[in-house]
Amino acid sequence: MINEPVVDRLVEKLGTDGRPASRYALCVVVAKRARQIIDQEQNQGIHELPGGVKEIALACHEIVSGKLTMVND
């Protein structure tokens, strides 16, 4: 279970125009990014991220830091 960063903070950070994103949208964005990270690891022959960080946790930290945003299609 991920306790940090807090889900409410992730939802606020992922939202646009001052409106928070839905929790469903958060799940979709994090899952897609985690899958991208896993694919990159496999292509590079990496079996584990440095520090034992999980892919989902890394995606969540990317949202909080502003590296990952949501785009509405």
Protein backbone atom coordinates (compact mmCIF):
# COMPACT_ATOMS: atom_id res chain seq x y z
CA MET A 1 0.00 0.00 0.00
CA ILE A 2 1.30 3.42 -0.90
CA ASN A 3 1.04 5.89 1.97
CA GLU A 4 3.24 8.60 0.57
CA PRO A 5 2.39 10.66 -1.41
CA VAL A 6 -1.17 10.96 -0.15
CA VAL A 7 -3.90 10.15 -2.69
CA ASP A 8 -5.65 13.50 -2.13
CA ARG A 9 -2.44 15.32 -3.02
CA LEU A 10 -2.00 13.21 -6.15
CA VAL A 11 -5.59 13.92 -7.26
CA GLU A 12 -5.11 17.66 -6.76
CA LYS A 13 -1.77 17.70 -8.55
CA LEU A 14 -3.11 15.69 -11.49
CA GLY A 15 -6.16 17.90 -11.96
CA THR A 16 -6.41 20.86 -14.30
CA ASP A 17 -7.86 24.38 -14.07
CA GLY A 18 -8.02 24.22 -10.28
CA ARG A 19 -10.25 21.14 -10.36
CA PRO A 20 -8.93 17.87 -8.97
CA ALA A 21 -8.88 14.79 -11.17
CA SER A 22 -11.03 11.80 -10.31
CA ARG A 23 -9.53 8.87 -8.46
CA TYR A 24 -10.34 6.73 -11.48
CA ALA A 25 -8.28 9.05 -13.71
CA LEU A 26 -5.44 8.85 -11.18
CA CYS A 27 -5.51 5.04 -11.33
CA VAL A 28 -5.46 5.04 -15.12
CA VAL A 29 -2.58 7.52 -15.39
CA VAL A 30 -0.48 5.76 -12.74
CA ALA A 31 -1.12 2.32 -14.27
CA LYS A 32 -0.16 3.50 -17.77
CA ARG A 33 3.02 5.17 -16.54
CA ALA A 34 3.98 2.15 -14.42
CA ARG A 35 3.56 -0.06 -17.49
CA GLN A 36 5.83 2.30 -19.49
CA ILE A 37 8.47 2.11 -16.75
CA ILE A 38 8.30 -1.70 -16.72
CA ASP A 39 8.66 -1.82 -20.50
CA GLN A 40 11.68 0.50 -20.35
CA GLU A 41 13.26 -1.70 -17.68
CA GLN A 42 12.78 -4.82 -19.79
CA ASN A 43 14.21 -3.16 -22.90
CA GLN A 44 17.30 -2.06 -20.96
CA GLY A 45 17.74 -5.39 -19.18
CA ILE A 46 17.10 -3.93 -15.74
CA HIS A 47 15.42 -6.28 -13.28
CA GLU A 48 14.81 -3.83 -10.45
CA LEU A 49 14.79 -0.06 -9.98
CA PRO A 50 17.54 1.46 -7.82
CA GLY A 51 16.66 1.53 -4.15
CA GLY A 52 13.97 -1.11 -4.56
CA VAL A 53 11.41 1.49 -5.59
CA LYS A 54 8.32 0.00 -7.20
CA GLU A 55 7.09 1.24 -10.56
CA ILE A 56 3.75 2.46 -9.19
CA ALA A 57 5.47 4.43 -6.43
CA LEU A 58 7.79 6.01 -8.99
CA ALA A 59 4.82 7.05 -11.15
CA CYS A 60 3.14 8.63 -8.10
CA HIS A 61 6.28 10.57 -7.24
CA GLU A 62 6.48 11.79 -10.84
CA ILE A 63 2.96 13.22 -10.50
CA VAL A 64 3.81 15.04 -7.27
CA SER A 65 7.02 16.47 -8.71
CA GLY A 66 5.20 17.72 -11.81
CA LYS A 67 7.02 15.48 -14.28
CA LEU A 68 3.82 13.59 -15.14
CA THR A 69 0.55 15.27 -16.08
CA MET A 70 -2.77 14.18 -17.48
CA VAL A 71 -3.89 15.17 -20.97
CA ASN A 72 -7.57 14.99 -21.90
CA ASP A 73 -8.12 13.55 -25.36
